[in-house]
Amino acid sequence: MNNSWKIGFNRWLVFGLIATPILNPLPSLGQRQYREEMVLPSHYPEGFDGVGRVERVEGEEIVINDCMFRLSPRFTLATRVSHHAPKELLKVGDLVGFKKNSSREIVSIWILESGSGLR
């Protein structure tokens, strides 16, 4: 009887070790972090509401990592060299961090890594 308890316990232990990485929820977009080795300029915030690659920018909408967001009419863009950069610098492929307002509109975007060279 004692031996069967050990076999059952070992099965649950193995199942737990295998299932834990599978059942753990994936981090939300806001929890995903850029690469740790990136050194960000001092005018960048400590954290972002989300981080991802720009897939499309069209009018008042932007798609980042397959998620569509509305851009605030007064959203700001920051690059490594400019706190207030022209919005035309935002390109598909850029790795960005962003902040949202209570209406889920993006109010500020920081370019973390350019998709096509340094800016």
PDB file of N, CA and C in Angstrom:
ATOM      1  N   MET A   1       0.830  -1.192   0.000  1.00  0.00           N
ATOM      2  CA  MET A   1       0.000   0.000   0.000  1.00  0.00           C
ATOM      3  C   MET A   1       0.871   1.250   0.000  1.00  0.00           C
ATOM      4  N   ASN A   2       1.922   1.244   0.745  1.00  0.00           N
ATOM      5  CA  ASN A   2       2.836   2.364   0.803  1.00  0.00           C
ATOM      6  C   ASN A   2       3.507   2.587  -0.547  1.00  0.00           C
ATOM      7  N   ASN A   3       3.812   1.496  -1.247  1.00  0.00           N
ATOM      8  CA  ASN A   3       4.469   1.574  -2.549  1.00  0.00           C
ATOM      9  C   ASN A   3       3.555   2.206  -3.600  1.00  0.00           C
ATOM     10  N   SER A   4       2.266   1.890  -3.585  1.00  0.00           N
ATOM     11  CA  SER A   4       1.341   2.463  -4.566  1.00  0.00           C
ATOM     12  C   SER A   4       1.187   3.976  -4.358  1.00  0.00           C
ATOM     13  N   TRP A   5       1.268   4.409  -3.110  1.00  0.00           N
ATOM     14  CA  TRP A   5       1.209   5.850  -2.830  1.00  0.00           C
ATOM     15  C   TRP A   5       2.381   6.558  -3.490  1.00  0.00           C
ATOM     16  N   LYS A   6       3.581   5.954  -3.404  1.00  0.00           N
ATOM     17  CA  LYS A   6       4.774   6.537  -4.019  1.00  0.00           C
ATOM     18  C   LYS A   6       4.640   6.610  -5.524  1.00  0.00           C
ATOM     19  N   ILE A   7       4.090   5.569  -6.143  1.00  0.00           N
ATOM     20  CA  ILE A   7       3.909   5.554  -7.606  1.00  0.00           C
ATOM     21  C   ILE A   7       2.930   6.648  -8.003  1.00  0.00           C
ATOM     22  N   GLY A   8       1.827   6.769  -7.295  1.00  0.00           N
ATOM     23  CA  GLY A   8       0.837   7.814  -7.594  1.00  0.00           C
ATOM     24  C   GLY A   8       1.408   9.208  -7.412  1.00  0.00           C
ATOM     25  N   PHE A   9       2.157   9.402  -6.333  1.00  0.00           N
ATOM     26  CA  PHE A   9       2.779  10.701  -6.081  1.00  0.00           C
ATOM     27  C   PHE A   9       3.775  11.046  -7.188  1.00  0.00           C
ATOM     28  N   ASN A  10       4.595  10.083  -7.592  1.00  0.00           N
ATOM     29  CA  ASN A  10       5.577  10.317  -8.655  1.00  0.00           C
ATOM     30  C   ASN A  10       4.898  10.684  -9.975  1.00  0.00           C
ATOM     31  N   ARG A  11       3.772  10.048 -10.272  1.00  0.00           N
ATOM     32  CA  ARG A  11       3.032  10.381 -11.509  1.00  0.00           C
ATOM     33  C   ARG A  11       2.544  11.833 -11.464  1.00  0.00           C
ATOM     34  N   TRP A  12       1.992  12.226 -10.326  1.00  0.00           N
ATOM     35  CA  TRP A  12       1.515  13.612 -10.198  1.00  0.00           C
ATOM     36  C   TRP A  12       2.668  14.602 -10.243  1.00  0.00           C
ATOM     37  N   LEU A  13       3.798  14.235  -9.676  1.00  0.00           N
ATOM     38  CA  LEU A  13       4.966  15.102  -9.714  1.00  0.00           C
ATOM     39  C   LEU A  13       5.451  15.304 -11.144  1.00  0.00           C
ATOM     40  N   VAL A  14       5.543  14.221 -11.896  1.00  0.00           N
ATOM     41  CA  VAL A  14       5.956  14.311 -13.301  1.00  0.00           C
ATOM     42  C   VAL A  14       4.938  15.131 -14.090  1.00  0.00           C
ATOM     43  N   PHE A  15       3.656  14.870 -13.877  1.00  0.00           N
ATOM     44  CA  PHE A  15       2.622  15.633 -14.577  1.00  0.00           C
ATOM     45  C   PHE A  15       2.748  17.126 -14.257  1.00  0.00           C
ATOM     46  N   GLY A  16       2.974  17.443 -12.986  1.00  0.00           N
ATOM     47  CA  GLY A  16       3.104  18.846 -12.583  1.00  0.00           C
ATOM     48  C   GLY A  16       4.296  19.521 -13.225  1.00  0.00           C
ATOM     49  N   LEU A  17       5.407  18.815 -13.304  1.00  0.00           N
ATOM     50  CA  LEU A  17       6.602  19.395 -13.927  1.00  0.00           C
ATOM     51  C   LEU A  17       6.408  19.627 -15.422  1.00  0.00           C
ATOM     52  N   ILE A  18       5.665  18.745 -16.068  1.00  0.00           N
ATOM     53  CA  ILE A  18       5.417  18.897 -17.509  1.00  0.00           C
ATOM     54  C   ILE A  18       4.338  19.939 -17.762  1.00  0.00           C
ATOM     55  N   ALA A  19       3.279  19.920 -16.963  1.00  0.00           N
ATOM     56  CA  ALA A  19       2.125  20.784 -17.219  1.00  0.00           C
ATOM     57  C   ALA A  19       2.340  22.227 -16.808  1.00  0.00           C
ATOM     58  N   THR A  20       3.196  22.489 -15.842  1.00  0.00           N
ATOM     59  CA  THR A  20       3.368  23.854 -15.345  1.00  0.00           C
ATOM     60  C   THR A  20       3.726  24.837 -16.446  1.00  0.00           C
ATOM     61  N   PRO A  21       4.728  24.579 -17.289  1.00  0.00           N
ATOM     62  CA  PRO A  21       5.020  25.556 -18.345  1.00  0.00           C
ATOM     63  C   PRO A  21       3.893  25.682 -19.363  1.00  0.00           C
ATOM     64  N   ILE A  22       3.143  24.595 -19.555  1.00  0.00           N
ATOM     65  CA  ILE A  22       2.061  24.616 -20.542  1.00  0.00           C
ATOM     66  C   ILE A  22       0.863  25.391 -20.006  1.00  0.00           C
ATOM     67  N   LEU A  23       0.512  25.180 -18.745  1.00  0.00           N
ATOM     68  CA  LEU A  23      -0.692  25.787 -18.178  1.00  0.00           C
ATOM     69  C   LEU A  23      -0.492  27.201 -17.666  1.00  0.00           C
ATOM     70  N   ASN A  24       0.743  27.620 -17.472  1.00  0.00           N
ATOM     71  CA  ASN A  24       0.969  28.997 -17.038  1.00  0.00           C
ATOM     72  C   ASN A  24       0.470  29.949 -18.114  1.00  0.00           C
ATOM     73  N   PRO A  25      -0.263  30.974 -17.729  1.00  0.00           N
ATOM     74  CA  PRO A  25      -0.742  31.908 -18.747  1.00  0.00           C
ATOM     75  C   PRO A  25       0.418  32.666 -19.379  1.00  0.00           C
ATOM     76  N   LEU A  26       0.270  32.948 -20.662  1.00  0.00           N
ATOM     77  CA  LEU A  26       1.277  33.746 -21.354  1.00  0.00           C
ATOM     78  C   LEU A  26       1.251  35.165 -20.817  1.00  0.00           C
ATOM     79  N   PRO A  27       2.368  35.849 -20.801  1.00  0.00           N
ATOM     80  CA  PRO A  27       2.364  37.240 -20.330  1.00  0.00           C
ATOM     81  C   PRO A  27       1.524  38.108 -21.253  1.00  0.00           C
ATOM     82  N   SER A  28       0.832  39.063 -20.675  1.00  0.00           N
ATOM     83  CA  SER A  28       0.047  39.980 -21.489  1.00  0.00           C
ATOM     84  C   SER A  28       0.984  40.890 -22.275  1.00  0.00           C
ATOM     85  N   LEU A  29       0.421  41.599 -23.222  1.00  0.00           N
ATOM     86  CA  LEU A  29       1.224  42.497 -24.043  1.00  0.00           C
ATOM     87  C   LEU A  29       1.966  43.511 -23.182  1.00  0.00           C
ATOM     88  N   GLY A  30       1.321  43.993 -22.133  1.00  0.00           N
ATOM     89  CA  GLY A  30       1.962  44.974 -21.269  1.00  0.00           C
ATOM     90  C   GLY A  30       3.076  44.398 -20.418  1.00  0.00           C
ATOM     91  N   GLN A  31       3.038  43.089 -20.185  1.00  0.00           N
ATOM     92  CA  GLN A  31       4.061  42.472 -19.365  1.00  0.00           C
ATOM     93  C   GLN A  31       5.280  42.057 -20.179  1.00  0.00           C
ATOM     94  N   ARG A  32       5.121  41.939 -21.491  1.00  0.00           N
ATOM     95  CA  ARG A  32       6.263  41.559 -22.301  1.00  0.00           C
ATOM     96  C   ARG A  32       7.308  42.649 -22.226  1.00  0.00           C
ATOM     97  N   GLN A  33       8.531  42.245 -22.135  1.00  0.00           N
ATOM     98  CA  GLN A  33       9.604  43.216 -22.011  1.00  0.00           C
ATOM     99  C   GLN A  33      10.488  43.184 -23.243  1.00  0.00           C
ATOM    100  N   TYR A  34      11.060  44.300 -23.543  1.00  0.00           N
ATOM    101  CA  TYR A  34      12.068  44.362 -24.580  1.00  0.00           C
ATOM    102  C   TYR A  34      13.317  43.692 -24.038  1.00  0.00           C
ATOM    103  N   ARG A  35      14.282  43.506 -24.890  1.00  0.00           N
ATOM    104  CA  ARG A  35      15.506  42.823 -24.461  1.00  0.00           C
ATOM    105  C   ARG A  35      16.175  43.584 -23.326  1.00  0.00           C
ATOM    106  N   GLU A  36      16.621  42.855 -22.328  1.00  0.00           N
ATOM    107  CA  GLU A  36      17.218  43.469 -21.139  1.00  0.00           C
ATOM    108  C   GLU A  36      18.479  44.251 -21.457  1.00  0.00           C
ATOM    109  N   GLU A  37      19.207  43.820 -22.493  1.00  0.00           N
ATOM    110  CA  GLU A  37      20.458  44.507 -22.797  1.00  0.00           C
ATOM    111  C   GLU A  37      20.242  45.872 -23.443  1.00  0.00           C
ATOM    112  N   MET A  38      19.005  46.194 -23.811  1.00  0.00           N
ATOM    113  CA  MET A  38      18.712  47.505 -24.385  1.00  0.00           C
ATOM    114  C   MET A  38      18.864  48.583 -23.322  1.00  0.00           C
ATOM    115  N   VAL A  39      19.631  49.587 -23.617  1.00  0.00           N
ATOM    116  CA  VAL A  39      19.755  50.734 -22.728  1.00  0.00           C
ATOM    117  C   VAL A  39      18.922  51.845 -23.342  1.00  0.00           C
ATOM    118  N   LEU A  40      17.881  52.247 -22.621  1.00  0.00           N
ATOM    119  CA  LEU A  40      16.958  53.249 -23.151  1.00  0.00           C
ATOM    120  C   LEU A  40      17.361  54.638 -22.687  1.00  0.00           C
ATOM    121  N   PRO A  41      17.071  55.642 -23.514  1.00  0.00           N
ATOM    122  CA  PRO A  41      17.389  57.030 -23.132  1.00  0.00           C
ATOM    123  C   PRO A  41      16.648  57.444 -21.864  1.00  0.00           C
ATOM    124  N   SER A  42      17.165  58.452 -21.206  1.00  0.00           N
ATOM    125  CA  SER A  42      16.587  58.895 -19.931  1.00  0.00           C
ATOM    126  C   SER A  42      15.176  59.470 -20.095  1.00  0.00           C
ATOM    127  N   HIS A  43      14.817  59.941 -21.305  1.00  0.00           N
ATOM    128  CA  HIS A  43      13.472  60.494 -21.482  1.00  0.00           C
ATOM    129  C   HIS A  43      12.423  59.408 -21.738  1.00  0.00           C
ATOM    130  N   TYR A  44      12.826  58.141 -21.775  1.00  0.00           N
ATOM    131  CA  TYR A  44      11.877  57.038 -21.918  1.00  0.00           C
ATOM    132  C   TYR A  44      11.342  56.665 -20.536  1.00  0.00           C
ATOM    133  N   PRO A  45      10.091  56.183 -20.444  1.00  0.00           N
ATOM    134  CA  PRO A  45       9.536  55.812 -19.136  1.00  0.00           C
ATOM    135  C   PRO A  45      10.149  54.510 -18.614  1.00  0.00           C
ATOM    136  N   GLU A  46       9.927  54.251 -17.342  1.00  0.00           N
ATOM    137  CA  GLU A  46      10.422  53.015 -16.719  1.00  0.00           C
ATOM    138  C   GLU A  46       9.722  51.781 -17.285  1.00  0.00           C
ATOM    139  N   GLY A  47       8.468  51.928 -17.657  1.00  0.00           N
ATOM    140  CA  GLY A  47       7.701  50.800 -18.185  1.00  0.00           C
ATOM    141  C   GLY A  47       6.661  51.278 -19.175  1.00  0.00           C
ATOM    142  N   PHE A  48       6.049  50.317 -19.855  1.00  0.00           N
ATOM    143  CA  PHE A  48       5.058  50.630 -20.880  1.00  0.00           C
ATOM    144  C   PHE A  48       3.787  49.822 -20.623  1.00  0.00           C
ATOM    145  N   ASP A  49       2.683  50.263 -21.227  1.00  0.00           N
ATOM    146  CA  ASP A  49       1.452  49.473 -21.179  1.00  0.00           C
ATOM    147  C   ASP A  49       1.541  48.302 -22.147  1.00  0.00           C
ATOM    148  N   GLY A  50       2.395  48.425 -23.137  1.00  0.00           N
ATOM    149  CA  GLY A  50       2.580  47.357 -24.107  1.00  0.00           C
ATOM    150  C   GLY A  50       3.855  47.564 -24.892  1.00  0.00           C
ATOM    151  N   VAL A  51       4.360  46.464 -25.437  1.00  0.00           N
ATOM    152  CA  VAL A  51       5.566  46.476 -26.252  1.00  0.00           C
ATOM    153  C   VAL A  51       5.328  45.538 -27.423  1.00  0.00           C
ATOM    154  N   GLY A  52       5.740  45.942 -28.624  1.00  0.00           N
ATOM    155  CA  GLY A  52       5.586  45.053 -29.765  1.00  0.00           C
ATOM    156  C   GLY A  52       6.058  45.677 -31.057  1.00  0.00           C
ATOM    157  N   ARG A  53       5.920  44.907 -32.129  1.00  0.00           N
ATOM    158  CA  ARG A  53       6.303  45.354 -33.476  1.00  0.00           C
ATOM    159  C   ARG A  53       5.104  45.989 -34.165  1.00  0.00           C
ATOM    160  N   VAL A  54       5.359  47.111 -34.819  1.00  0.00           N
ATOM    161  CA  VAL A  54       4.318  47.784 -35.596  1.00  0.00           C
ATOM    162  C   VAL A  54       4.089  46.983 -36.878  1.00  0.00           C
ATOM    163  N   GLU A  55       2.847  46.626 -37.116  1.00  0.00           N
ATOM    164  CA  GLU A  55       2.501  45.872 -38.315  1.00  0.00           C
ATOM    165  C   GLU A  55       1.761  46.719 -39.338  1.00  0.00           C
ATOM    166  N   ARG A  56       1.069  47.758 -38.852  1.00  0.00           N
ATOM    167  CA  ARG A  56       0.332  48.638 -39.769  1.00  0.00           C
ATOM    168  C   ARG A  56       0.023  49.935 -39.057  1.00  0.00           C
ATOM    169  N   VAL A  57       0.123  51.030 -39.782  1.00  0.00           N
ATOM    170  CA  VAL A  57      -0.295  52.343 -39.294  1.00  0.00           C
ATOM    171  C   VAL A  57      -1.145  52.940 -40.398  1.00  0.00           C
ATOM    172  N   GLU A  58      -2.387  53.241 -40.054  1.00  0.00           N
ATOM    173  CA  GLU A  58      -3.295  53.765 -41.066  1.00  0.00           C
ATOM    174  C   GLU A  58      -4.301  54.697 -40.400  1.00  0.00           C
ATOM    175  N   GLY A  59      -4.230  55.970 -40.745  1.00  0.00           N
ATOM    176  CA  GLY A  59      -5.153  56.952 -40.182  1.00  0.00           C
ATOM    177  C   GLY A  59      -5.042  57.011 -38.674  1.00  0.00           C
ATOM    178  N   GLU A  60      -6.154  56.738 -37.991  1.00  0.00           N
ATOM    179  CA  GLU A  60      -6.210  56.797 -36.533  1.00  0.00           C
ATOM    180  C   GLU A  60      -6.009  55.426 -35.888  1.00  0.00           C
ATOM    181  N   GLU A  61      -5.569  54.442 -36.668  1.00  0.00           N
ATOM    182  CA  GLU A  61      -5.401  53.090 -36.147  1.00  0.00           C
ATOM    183  C   GLU A  61      -3.969  52.608 -36.326  1.00  0.00           C
ATOM    184  N   ILE A  62      -3.554  51.736 -35.397  1.00  0.00           N
ATOM    185  CA  ILE A  62      -2.239  51.114 -35.479  1.00  0.00           C
ATOM    186  C   ILE A  62      -2.402  49.656 -35.055  1.00  0.00           C
ATOM    187  N   VAL A  63      -1.668  48.774 -35.719  1.00  0.00           N
ATOM    188  CA  VAL A  63      -1.659  47.362 -35.352  1.00  0.00           C
ATOM    189  C   VAL A  63      -0.267  47.044 -34.826  1.00  0.00           C
ATOM    190  N   ILE A  64      -0.244  46.544 -33.587  1.00  0.00           N
ATOM    191  CA  ILE A  64       1.001  46.150 -32.924  1.00  0.00           C
ATOM    192  C   ILE A  64       0.819  44.715 -32.452  1.00  0.00           C
ATOM    193  N   ASN A  65       1.678  43.824 -32.926  1.00  0.00           N
ATOM    194  CA  ASN A  65       1.591  42.393 -32.563  1.00  0.00           C
ATOM    195  C   ASN A  65       0.184  41.831 -32.742  1.00  0.00           C
ATOM    196  N   ASP A  66      -0.409  42.051 -33.887  1.00  0.00           N
ATOM    197  CA  ASP A  66      -1.744  41.542 -34.222  1.00  0.00           C
ATOM    198  C   ASP A  66      -2.875  42.138 -33.402  1.00  0.00           C
ATOM    199  N   CYS A  67      -2.626  43.206 -32.649  1.00  0.00           N
ATOM    200  CA  CYS A  67      -3.680  43.875 -31.879  1.00  0.00           C
ATOM    201  C   CYS A  67      -3.888  45.272 -32.449  1.00  0.00           C
ATOM    202  N   MET A  68      -5.133  45.593 -32.763  1.00  0.00           N
ATOM    203  CA  MET A  68      -5.431  46.908 -33.303  1.00  0.00           C
ATOM    204  C   MET A  68      -5.780  47.872 -32.170  1.00  0.00           C
ATOM    205  N   PHE A  69      -5.204  49.070 -32.242  1.00  0.00           N
ATOM    206  CA  PHE A  69      -5.468  50.126 -31.272  1.00  0.00           C
ATOM    207  C   PHE A  69      -5.826  51.399 -32.012  1.00  0.00           C
ATOM    208  N   ARG A  70      -6.608  52.230 -31.352  1.00  0.00           N
ATOM    209  CA  ARG A  70      -6.866  53.573 -31.869  1.00  0.00           C
ATOM    210  C   ARG A  70      -5.783  54.495 -31.333  1.00  0.00           C
ATOM    211  N   LEU A  71      -5.355  55.402 -32.178  1.00  0.00           N
ATOM    212  CA  LEU A  71      -4.391  56.418 -31.762  1.00  0.00           C
ATOM    213  C   LEU A  71      -5.156  57.635 -31.271  1.00  0.00           C
ATOM    214  N   SER A  72      -4.753  58.179 -30.159  1.00  0.00           N
ATOM    215  CA  SER A  72      -5.326  59.427 -29.682  1.00  0.00           C
ATOM    216  C   SER A  72      -5.022  60.508 -30.720  1.00  0.00           C
ATOM    217  N   PRO A  73      -5.947  61.439 -30.944  1.00  0.00           N
ATOM    218  CA  PRO A  73      -5.679  62.512 -31.907  1.00  0.00           C
ATOM    219  C   PRO A  73      -4.414  63.313 -31.570  1.00  0.00           C
ATOM    220  N   ARG A  74      -4.014  63.290 -30.312  1.00  0.00           N
ATOM    221  CA  ARG A  74      -2.824  64.052 -29.890  1.00  0.00           C
ATOM    222  C   ARG A  74      -1.697  63.135 -29.418  1.00  0.00           C
ATOM    223  N   PHE A  75      -1.600  61.932 -29.998  1.00  0.00           N
ATOM    224  CA  PHE A  75      -0.550  61.024 -29.538  1.00  0.00           C
ATOM    225  C   PHE A  75       0.826  61.591 -29.869  1.00  0.00           C
ATOM    226  N   THR A  76       1.792  61.235 -29.033  1.00  0.00           N
ATOM    227  CA  THR A  76       3.162  61.710 -29.240  1.00  0.00           C
ATOM    228  C   THR A  76       4.065  60.533 -29.585  1.00  0.00           C
ATOM    229  N   LEU A  77       5.133  60.846 -30.281  1.00  0.00           N
ATOM    230  CA  LEU A  77       6.126  59.846 -30.668  1.00  0.00           C
ATOM    231  C   LEU A  77       7.483  60.297 -30.176  1.00  0.00           C
ATOM    232  N   ALA A  78       8.217  59.368 -29.582  1.00  0.00           N
ATOM    233  CA  ALA A  78       9.576  59.669 -29.120  1.00  0.00           C
ATOM    234  C   ALA A  78      10.543  58.672 -29.747  1.00  0.00           C
ATOM    235  N   THR A  79      11.704  59.169 -30.116  1.00  0.00           N
ATOM    236  CA  THR A  79      12.782  58.317 -30.600  1.00  0.00           C
ATOM    237  C   THR A  79      13.935  58.444 -29.610  1.00  0.00           C
ATOM    238  N   ARG A  80      14.996  57.736 -29.862  1.00  0.00           N
ATOM    239  CA  ARG A  80      16.154  57.796 -28.969  1.00  0.00           C
ATOM    240  C   ARG A  80      16.770  59.194 -28.920  1.00  0.00           C
ATOM    241  N   VAL A  81      16.603  59.963 -29.987  1.00  0.00           N
ATOM    242  CA  VAL A  81      17.231  61.287 -30.034  1.00  0.00           C
ATOM    243  C   VAL A  81      16.258  62.440 -29.852  1.00  0.00           C
ATOM    244  N   SER A  82      14.959  62.157 -29.914  1.00  0.00           N
ATOM    245  CA  SER A  82      13.980  63.240 -29.827  1.00  0.00           C
ATOM    246  C   SER A  82      12.782  62.827 -28.976  1.00  0.00           C
ATOM    247  N   HIS A  83      12.450  63.681 -28.020  1.00  0.00           N
ATOM    248  CA  HIS A  83      11.280  63.414 -27.182  1.00  0.00           C
ATOM    249  C   HIS A  83       9.982  63.685 -27.941  1.00  0.00           C
ATOM    250  N   HIS A  84      10.002  64.598 -28.880  1.00  0.00           N
ATOM    251  CA  HIS A  84       8.824  64.929 -29.692  1.00  0.00           C
ATOM    252  C   HIS A  84       9.196  64.799 -31.164  1.00  0.00           C
ATOM    253  N   ALA A  85       9.116  63.586 -31.683  1.00  0.00           N
ATOM    254  CA  ALA A  85       9.501  63.305 -33.064  1.00  0.00           C
ATOM    255  C   ALA A  85       8.288  63.416 -33.990  1.00  0.00           C
ATOM    256  N   PRO A  86       8.533  63.699 -35.269  1.00  0.00           N
ATOM    257  CA  PRO A  86       7.423  63.721 -36.230  1.00  0.00           C
ATOM    258  C   PRO A  86       6.794  62.333 -36.356  1.00  0.00           C
ATOM    259  N   LYS A  87       5.489  62.305 -36.435  1.00  0.00           N
ATOM    260  CA  LYS A  87       4.763  61.031 -36.503  1.00  0.00           C
ATOM    261  C   LYS A  87       5.126  60.213 -37.743  1.00  0.00           C
ATOM    262  N   GLU A  88       5.650  60.858 -38.760  1.00  0.00           N
ATOM    263  CA  GLU A  88       6.025  60.173 -39.997  1.00  0.00           C
ATOM    264  C   GLU A  88       7.215  59.221 -39.796  1.00  0.00           C
ATOM    265  N   LEU A  89       7.929  59.363 -38.687  1.00  0.00           N
ATOM    266  CA  LEU A  89       9.060  58.473 -38.409  1.00  0.00           C
ATOM    267  C   LEU A  89       8.616  57.074 -37.984  1.00  0.00           C
ATOM    268  N   LEU A  90       7.377  56.930 -37.568  1.00  0.00           N
ATOM    269  CA  LEU A  90       6.859  55.631 -37.145  1.00  0.00           C
ATOM    270  C   LEU A  90       6.631  54.761 -38.374  1.00  0.00           C
ATOM    271  N   LYS A  91       7.303  53.614 -38.422  1.00  0.00           N
ATOM    272  CA  LYS A  91       7.249  52.747 -39.601  1.00  0.00           C
ATOM    273  C   LYS A  91       6.903  51.314 -39.219  1.00  0.00           C
ATOM    274  N   VAL A  92       6.366  50.584 -40.181  1.00  0.00           N
ATOM    275  CA  VAL A  92       6.115  49.157 -40.021  1.00  0.00           C
ATOM    276  C   VAL A  92       7.449  48.471 -39.726  1.00  0.00           C
ATOM    277  N   GLY A  93       7.429  47.584 -38.752  1.00  0.00           N
ATOM    278  CA  GLY A  93       8.630  46.855 -38.361  1.00  0.00           C
ATOM    279  C   GLY A  93       9.312  47.416 -37.129  1.00  0.00           C
ATOM    280  N   ASP A  94       8.980  48.648 -36.741  1.00  0.00           N
ATOM    281  CA  ASP A  94       9.584  49.244 -35.543  1.00  0.00           C
ATOM    282  C   ASP A  94       9.145  48.473 -34.302  1.00  0.00           C
ATOM    283  N   LEU A  95      10.080  48.265 -33.383  1.00  0.00           N
ATOM    284  CA  LEU A  95       9.759  47.740 -32.063  1.00  0.00           C
ATOM    285  C   LEU A  95       9.458  48.944 -31.188  1.00  0.00           C
ATOM    286  N   VAL A  96       8.258  48.977 -30.612  1.00  0.00           N
ATOM    287  CA  VAL A  96       7.821  50.152 -29.862  1.00  0.00           C
ATOM    288  C   VAL A  96       7.300  49.769 -28.489  1.00  0.00           C
ATOM    289  N   GLY A  97       7.366  50.738 -27.578  1.00  0.00           N
ATOM    290  CA  GLY A  97       6.671  50.677 -26.309  1.00  0.00           C
ATOM    291  C   GLY A  97       5.600  51.743 -26.361  1.00  0.00           C
ATOM    292  N   PHE A  98       4.464  51.514 -25.704  1.00  0.00           N
ATOM    293  CA  PHE A  98       3.396  52.514 -25.773  1.00  0.00           C
ATOM    294  C   PHE A  98       2.636  52.611 -24.460  1.00  0.00           C
ATOM    295  N   LYS A  99       1.975  53.756 -24.299  1.00  0.00           N
ATOM    296  CA  LYS A  99       1.103  54.031 -23.150  1.00  0.00           C
ATOM    297  C   LYS A  99      -0.304  54.287 -23.685  1.00  0.00           C
ATOM    298  N   LYS A 100      -1.313  53.823 -22.930  1.00  0.00           N
ATOM    299  CA  LYS A 100      -2.710  54.010 -23.321  1.00  0.00           C
ATOM    300  C   LYS A 100      -3.443  54.839 -22.279  1.00  0.00           C
ATOM    301  N   ASN A 101      -4.531  55.477 -22.712  1.00  0.00           N
ATOM    302  CA  ASN A 101      -5.402  56.190 -21.777  1.00  0.00           C
ATOM    303  C   ASN A 101      -6.538  55.264 -21.329  1.00  0.00           C
ATOM    304  N   SER A 102      -7.453  55.767 -20.543  1.00  0.00           N
ATOM    305  CA  SER A 102      -8.546  54.942 -20.013  1.00  0.00           C
ATOM    306  C   SER A 102      -9.498  54.459 -21.111  1.00  0.00           C
ATOM    307  N   SER A 103      -9.472  55.108 -22.270  1.00  0.00           N
ATOM    308  CA  SER A 103     -10.305  54.682 -23.406  1.00  0.00           C
ATOM    309  C   SER A 103      -9.580  53.682 -24.300  1.00  0.00           C
ATOM    310  N   ARG A 104      -8.430  53.191 -23.868  1.00  0.00           N
ATOM    311  CA  ARG A 104      -7.588  52.246 -24.598  1.00  0.00           C
ATOM    312  C   ARG A 104      -6.996  52.837 -25.872  1.00  0.00           C
ATOM    313  N   GLU A 105      -6.986  54.145 -25.980  1.00  0.00           N
ATOM    314  CA  GLU A 105      -6.308  54.796 -27.099  1.00  0.00           C
ATOM    315  C   GLU A 105      -4.832  54.938 -26.748  1.00  0.00           C
ATOM    316  N   ILE A 106      -3.981  54.768 -27.741  1.00  0.00           N
ATOM    317  CA  ILE A 106      -2.555  54.977 -27.503  1.00  0.00           C
ATOM    318  C   ILE A 106      -2.297  56.477 -27.490  1.00  0.00           C
ATOM    319  N   VAL A 107      -1.684  56.940 -26.407  1.00  0.00           N
ATOM    320  CA  VAL A 107      -1.411  58.373 -26.266  1.00  0.00           C
ATOM    321  C   VAL A 107       0.064  58.701 -26.479  1.00  0.00           C
ATOM    322  N   SER A 108       0.937  57.698 -26.337  1.00  0.00           N
ATOM    323  CA  SER A 108       2.360  57.946 -26.568  1.00  0.00           C
ATOM    324  C   SER A 108       3.046  56.658 -27.006  1.00  0.00           C
ATOM    325  N   ILE A 109       3.982  56.832 -27.935  1.00  0.00           N
ATOM    326  CA  ILE A 109       4.749  55.708 -28.474  1.00  0.00           C
ATOM    327  C   ILE A 109       6.222  56.070 -28.409  1.00  0.00           C
ATOM    328  N   TRP A 110       7.030  55.098 -27.979  1.00  0.00           N
ATOM    329  CA  TRP A 110       8.488  55.257 -27.946  1.00  0.00           C
ATOM    330  C   TRP A 110       9.099  54.193 -28.840  1.00  0.00           C
ATOM    331  N   ILE A 111       9.906  54.602 -29.795  1.00  0.00           N
ATOM    332  CA  ILE A 111      10.578  53.634 -30.659  1.00  0.00           C
ATOM    333  C   ILE A 111      11.746  53.031 -29.880  1.00  0.00           C
ATOM    334  N   LEU A 112      11.690  51.720 -29.664  1.00  0.00           N
ATOM    335  CA  LEU A 112      12.731  51.007 -28.943  1.00  0.00           C
ATOM    336  C   LEU A 112      13.832  50.543 -29.898  1.00  0.00           C
ATOM    337  N   GLU A 113      13.377  50.115 -31.080  1.00  0.00           N
ATOM    338  CA  GLU A 113      14.315  49.615 -32.075  1.00  0.00           C
ATOM    339  C   GLU A 113      13.679  49.832 -33.441  1.00  0.00           C
ATOM    340  N   SER A 114      14.396  50.488 -34.295  1.00  0.00           N
ATOM    341  CA  SER A 114      13.890  50.774 -35.628  1.00  0.00           C
ATOM    342  C   SER A 114      13.886  49.504 -36.463  1.00  0.00           C
ATOM    343  N   GLY A 115      12.841  49.348 -37.240  1.00  0.00           N
ATOM    344  CA  GLY A 115      12.766  48.203 -38.138  1.00  0.00           C
ATOM    345  C   GLY A 115      13.653  48.348 -39.349  1.00  0.00           C
ATOM    346  N   SER A 116      14.158  49.558 -39.596  1.00  0.00           N
ATOM    347  CA  SER A 116      14.964  49.790 -40.793  1.00  0.00           C
ATOM    348  C   SER A 116      16.115  50.751 -40.518  1.00  0.00           C
ATOM    349  N   GLY A 117      16.949  50.424 -39.566  1.00  0.00           N
ATOM    350  CA  GLY A 117      18.109  51.285 -39.260  1.00  0.00           C
ATOM    351  C   GLY A 117      17.826  52.222 -38.099  1.00  0.00           C
ATOM    352  N   LEU A 118      18.857  52.898 -37.646  1.00  0.00           N
ATOM    353  CA  LEU A 118      18.725  53.799 -36.505  1.00  0.00           C
ATOM    354  C   LEU A 118      18.074  55.113 -36.887  1.00  0.00           C
ATOM    355  N   ARG A 119      17.288  55.635 -35.941  1.00  0.00           N
ATOM    356  CA  ARG A 119      16.661  56.949 -36.120  1.00  0.00           C
ATOM    357  C   ARG A 119      16.905  57.768 -34.896  1.00  0.00           C
TER     358      ARG A 119
END
